[in-house]
N, C-alpha and C. Protein backbone atom coordinates (compact mmCIF):
# COMPACT_ATOMS: atom_id res chain seq x y z
N MET A 1 74.00 161.63 70.09
CA MET A 1 72.88 162.80 69.57
C MET A 1 72.67 161.59 68.15
N GLY A 2 71.63 161.81 67.72
CA GLY A 2 71.32 161.13 66.16
C GLY A 2 71.10 162.11 65.06
N THR A 3 71.34 161.50 63.96
CA THR A 3 71.73 162.79 62.92
C THR A 3 70.18 162.80 62.69
N CYS A 4 69.67 164.25 61.94
CA CYS A 4 68.73 165.02 61.74
C CYS A 4 68.63 165.16 60.39
N LYS A 5 67.54 165.11 59.61
CA LYS A 5 67.57 165.30 57.94
C LYS A 5 66.91 166.72 58.05
N LEU A 6 66.35 167.17 59.23
CA LEU A 6 65.97 168.92 59.38
C LEU A 6 67.11 169.56 58.94
N ASP A 7 66.77 170.99 58.64
CA ASP A 7 67.57 172.31 58.42
C ASP A 7 66.76 173.08 59.51
N HIS A 8 68.12 173.75 60.31
CA HIS A 8 67.23 174.64 61.29
C HIS A 8 67.87 176.09 61.07
N SER A 9 67.09 176.79 60.96
CA SER A 9 67.06 178.26 60.63
C SER A 9 67.96 179.03 61.60
N GLN A 10 68.70 180.23 61.44
CA GLN A 10 69.05 180.73 62.79
C GLN A 10 67.66 181.38 63.56
N GLU A 11 66.68 181.49 62.94
CA GLU A 11 65.74 181.59 64.01
C GLU A 11 65.35 180.41 65.05
N ASP A 12 65.78 179.46 64.52
CA ASP A 12 65.28 178.12 65.32
C ASP A 12 66.16 177.65 66.23
N VAL A 13 67.54 178.12 66.09
CA VAL A 13 68.35 178.40 66.85
C VAL A 13 68.49 179.24 68.08
N MET A 14 68.23 180.48 67.58
CA MET A 14 67.95 181.57 68.15
C MET A 14 66.71 180.93 69.21
N ASN A 15 65.74 180.61 69.15
CA ASN A 15 64.78 180.32 70.03
C ASN A 15 65.25 179.30 70.73
N LYS A 16 65.86 178.03 70.39
CA LYS A 16 66.26 177.15 71.11
C LYS A 16 67.67 177.81 72.52
N PHE A 17 68.00 178.14 71.80
CA PHE A 17 69.25 179.15 72.56
C PHE A 17 68.35 179.93 74.01
N GLU A 18 67.47 180.68 73.72
CA GLU A 18 66.52 181.42 74.60
C GLU A 18 66.02 180.59 75.56
N ALA A 19 65.84 179.12 75.15
CA ALA A 19 65.19 178.61 76.09
C ALA A 19 66.00 177.91 76.84
N GLN A 20 67.33 177.49 76.12
CA GLN A 20 68.30 176.94 76.65
C GLN A 20 69.00 177.82 78.13
N ARG A 21 69.00 179.12 77.96
CA ARG A 21 69.82 180.20 78.35
C ARG A 21 69.94 179.95 79.84
N PRO A 22 69.05 179.63 80.87
CA PRO A 22 69.22 179.37 82.11
C PRO A 22 70.38 178.39 82.72
N PHE A 23 70.41 177.33 81.41
CA PHE A 23 71.16 176.22 81.86
C PHE A 23 72.52 175.96 81.28
N LEU A 24 72.88 177.07 80.32
CA LEU A 24 74.31 177.07 79.68
C LEU A 24 75.04 177.82 80.81
N PRO A 25 76.39 177.45 80.79
CA PRO A 25 77.40 178.46 81.20
C PRO A 25 77.53 179.63 80.83
N ASP A 26 77.84 180.58 81.29
CA ASP A 26 78.11 181.58 81.44
C ASP A 26 79.09 182.30 80.26
N GLU A 27 80.15 181.67 79.88
CA GLU A 27 80.94 181.67 78.57
C GLU A 27 80.35 181.43 77.61
N ILE A 28 79.42 180.12 77.77
CA ILE A 28 78.89 180.14 76.27
C ILE A 28 77.54 180.59 76.21
N LYS A 29 76.96 181.15 76.97
CA LYS A 29 75.86 182.23 76.85
C LYS A 29 76.45 183.59 76.19
N THR A 30 77.53 184.23 76.66
CA THR A 30 78.11 185.59 76.08
C THR A 30 78.56 185.13 74.60
N LYS A 31 79.53 184.11 74.51
CA LYS A 31 79.66 183.66 73.10
C LYS A 31 78.51 183.21 72.25
N LEU A 32 77.60 182.60 72.29
CA LEU A 32 76.89 181.93 71.63
C LEU A 32 75.68 183.49 71.20
N ALA A 33 75.56 184.40 72.16
CA ALA A 33 75.02 185.54 71.79
C ALA A 33 75.55 186.08 70.58
N GLY A 34 77.00 186.45 70.63
CA GLY A 34 77.62 187.23 69.91
C GLY A 34 77.56 186.08 68.02
N TYR A 35 77.51 184.78 68.50
CA TYR A 35 77.64 183.66 67.19
C TYR A 35 76.31 183.97 66.36
N LEU A 36 75.31 184.36 67.08
CA LEU A 36 74.32 184.17 66.60
C LEU A 36 74.13 185.54 65.98
N SER A 37 74.89 186.75 65.92
CA SER A 37 74.14 187.91 65.38
C SER A 37 74.87 187.95 63.78
N VAL A 38 75.80 186.88 63.63
CA VAL A 38 75.93 186.79 62.39
C VAL A 38 75.65 185.25 61.61
N VAL A 39 75.47 185.26 60.37
CA VAL A 39 74.97 183.88 59.18
C VAL A 39 76.42 183.07 59.42
N HIS A 40 75.99 181.82 59.72
CA HIS A 40 76.50 180.73 59.46
C HIS A 40 75.81 179.42 58.63
N THR A 41 76.87 178.89 58.15
CA THR A 41 76.41 177.72 57.27
C THR A 41 75.11 176.61 57.88
N GLN A 42 74.33 176.43 57.13
CA GLN A 42 73.36 175.24 57.31
C GLN A 42 74.09 174.20 58.02
N ALA A 43 75.03 173.19 58.02
CA ALA A 43 75.87 172.49 58.95
C ALA A 43 75.90 173.06 60.50
N GLU A 44 76.59 174.12 60.28
CA GLU A 44 76.71 174.72 61.78
C GLU A 44 75.91 175.06 62.28
N LEU A 45 74.45 175.50 61.76
CA LEU A 45 73.40 175.87 62.77
C LEU A 45 72.46 174.55 62.86
N ASN A 46 72.75 173.49 62.24
CA ASN A 46 72.03 172.00 62.72
C ASN A 46 72.80 171.54 63.81
N ASP A 47 74.14 171.88 63.65
CA ASP A 47 74.81 171.35 65.01
C ASP A 47 74.88 171.98 66.07
N MET A 48 74.60 173.22 66.04
CA MET A 48 74.49 173.79 67.59
C MET A 48 72.88 173.74 67.85
N PHE A 49 72.13 173.62 66.67
CA PHE A 49 70.61 173.72 67.27
C PHE A 49 70.67 172.02 67.75
N HIS A 50 71.02 171.17 67.83
CA HIS A 50 70.83 169.62 68.39
C HIS A 50 72.04 169.93 69.28
N LEU A 51 73.12 170.56 69.83
CA LEU A 51 74.05 170.57 70.84
C LEU A 51 73.11 171.15 71.77
N LEU A 52 71.90 172.42 71.35
CA LEU A 52 71.34 172.97 72.57
C LEU A 52 69.99 172.05 72.78
N LYS A 53 69.57 171.24 71.75
CA LYS A 53 68.29 170.73 72.19
C LYS A 53 68.18 169.80 73.61
N LYS A 54 67.24 169.77 74.14
CA LYS A 54 67.36 169.22 75.24
C LYS A 54 68.48 168.90 76.28
N TYR A 55 69.49 170.00 75.98
CA TYR A 55 70.48 170.62 77.17
C TYR A 55 69.81 170.48 78.45
N ASP A 56 68.96 171.10 78.70
CA ASP A 56 68.56 171.22 80.34
C ASP A 56 68.20 169.68 80.81
N LEU A 57 67.90 168.40 79.89
CA LEU A 57 67.83 167.25 80.50
C LEU A 57 69.10 166.56 80.32
N SER A 58 70.15 166.60 79.87
CA SER A 58 71.54 166.05 79.68
C SER A 58 71.72 165.72 81.15
N SER A 59 72.65 164.90 81.06
CA SER A 59 73.44 164.18 82.39
C SER A 59 74.59 165.39 82.71
N ALA A 60 75.07 165.43 83.51
CA ALA A 60 76.17 166.36 83.93
C ALA A 60 77.74 166.20 82.77
N THR A 61 78.14 164.83 82.50
CA THR A 61 78.92 164.07 81.51
C THR A 61 78.62 164.83 80.11
N GLU A 62 77.41 164.53 79.69
CA GLU A 62 76.61 164.84 78.74
C GLU A 62 76.62 166.54 78.49
N LYS A 63 76.13 167.23 79.20
CA LYS A 63 76.15 168.54 79.03
C LYS A 63 78.07 169.18 79.08
N GLU A 64 79.16 168.26 80.03
CA GLU A 64 80.31 168.61 79.66
C GLU A 64 80.91 168.21 77.87
N GLU A 65 80.52 167.31 77.78
CA GLU A 65 80.48 167.24 76.25
C GLU A 65 79.95 167.94 75.07
N ARG A 66 78.76 168.22 75.61
CA ARG A 66 78.21 169.19 74.53
C ARG A 66 79.03 170.68 74.69
N ASN A 67 79.42 171.15 75.91
CA ASN A 67 80.33 172.19 76.21
C ASN A 67 81.21 172.28 75.32
N LYS A 68 82.00 171.39 75.26
CA LYS A 68 83.23 171.33 74.57
C LYS A 68 82.94 171.39 72.92
N GLN A 69 81.89 170.57 72.59
CA GLN A 69 81.50 170.56 71.09
C GLN A 69 80.91 172.05 70.63
N MET A 70 80.26 172.69 71.47
CA MET A 70 79.87 174.14 71.55
C MET A 70 81.08 175.16 71.17
N LEU A 71 81.84 175.08 71.90
CA LEU A 71 82.81 175.73 72.33
C LEU A 71 83.88 175.73 70.79
N LEU A 72 84.32 174.38 70.47
CA LEU A 72 84.51 174.43 69.13
C LEU A 72 84.00 175.47 67.71
N LEU A 73 82.59 175.06 68.06
CA LEU A 73 81.74 175.81 66.77
C LEU A 73 82.04 177.47 67.09
N LEU A 74 82.09 177.82 67.97
CA LEU A 74 81.77 178.89 68.78
C LEU A 74 83.15 179.82 68.73
N ASN A 75 84.29 178.99 68.70
CA ASN A 75 85.76 179.60 68.42
C ASN A 75 86.17 179.13 67.19
N LYS A 76 85.01 178.54 66.34
CA LYS A 76 85.90 178.50 64.74
C LYS A 76 86.33 179.79 63.96
N ASP A 77 85.48 180.88 64.44
CA ASP A 77 86.20 182.11 63.45
C ASP A 77 86.80 182.65 63.98
C-alpha cells in the first residue's frame, strides 16, 4: 500500500468499515466496532483507513496480511 498524504477522520474510517464489513472476519468486525467507539491518533486512523480501503478487492494473501496489521492496531490498547 502506498503512502497517502490525506488525513482521514474517525467518520471516514467508520464509513469505510461499514462498506467493508461484509468482507471482514468476525473477530476483526467485533474488535473494530469497539475500537471505533473511542478516539485514536491521526496516524492510527490513517493506517486503519488504508487497511480497510479496497479490502474486498484484495487477494487472499493480501487480506491475511491486512488482517494481521489490523489486529496489531486493534490489540494495541
